[in-house]
Protein backbone atom coordinates (compact mmCIF):
# COMPACT_ATOMS: atom_id res chain seq x y z
CA MET A 1 -2.17 20.79 -9.81
CA MET A 2 -5.74 19.80 -8.17
CA ASP A 3 -7.48 18.46 -11.13
CA HIS A 4 -4.64 16.29 -12.13
CA THR A 5 -4.11 14.66 -8.60
CA GLY A 6 -8.00 14.76 -8.26
CA GLY A 7 -8.50 12.93 -11.26
CA TRP A 8 -6.98 9.61 -9.68
CA MET A 9 -7.69 10.34 -6.04
CA GLY A 10 -11.60 10.53 -7.06
CA GLY A 11 -11.02 6.71 -7.79
CA TRP A 12 -9.51 5.90 -4.62
CA ALA A 13 -12.49 7.55 -3.03
CA GLY A 14 -14.91 4.64 -3.64
CA GLY A 15 -13.35 2.49 -1.43
CA GLN A 16 -10.52 0.83 -3.12
CA MET A 17 -8.21 2.77 -1.35
CA LEU A 18 -8.63 1.09 1.47
CA VAL A 19 -8.10 -2.43 -0.34
CA TRP A 20 -4.87 -0.56 -1.71
CA ALA A 21 -3.86 -0.05 1.66
CA ALA A 22 -4.52 -3.09 2.95
CA LEU A 23 -2.16 -4.67 0.44
CA ALA A 24 0.18 -2.12 1.06
CA VAL A 25 0.77 -3.21 4.34
CA LEU A 26 0.68 -6.77 3.64
CA VAL A 27 3.90 -6.54 1.29
CA VAL A 28 5.47 -4.43 3.70
CA VAL A 29 4.91 -6.80 6.49
CA VAL A 30 5.46 -9.81 4.47
CA VAL A 31 9.17 -7.98 3.23
CA VAL A 32 10.03 -7.06 6.95
CA ILE A 33 9.34 -10.79 8.40
CA LYS A 34 12.02 -12.01 5.37
CA SER A 35 14.33 -9.46 6.24
CA LEU A 36 14.17 -10.32 10.02
CA THR A 37 14.63 -14.58 8.96
CA ARG A 38 16.95 -13.92 6.94
CA LYS A 39 19.12 -11.79 9.65
CA LYS A 40 18.52 -14.62 12.14
CA LYS A 41 19.42 -17.16 9.77
């Protein structure tokens, strides 16, 4: 169990985790804003 997840988690430990987390947050924010603007219109 741990060596399978540890393999790809190790790649995230080099700071790329922050980049992917930031991208994920941006995508969520854009989707939320689009859904809110559609409801207002």
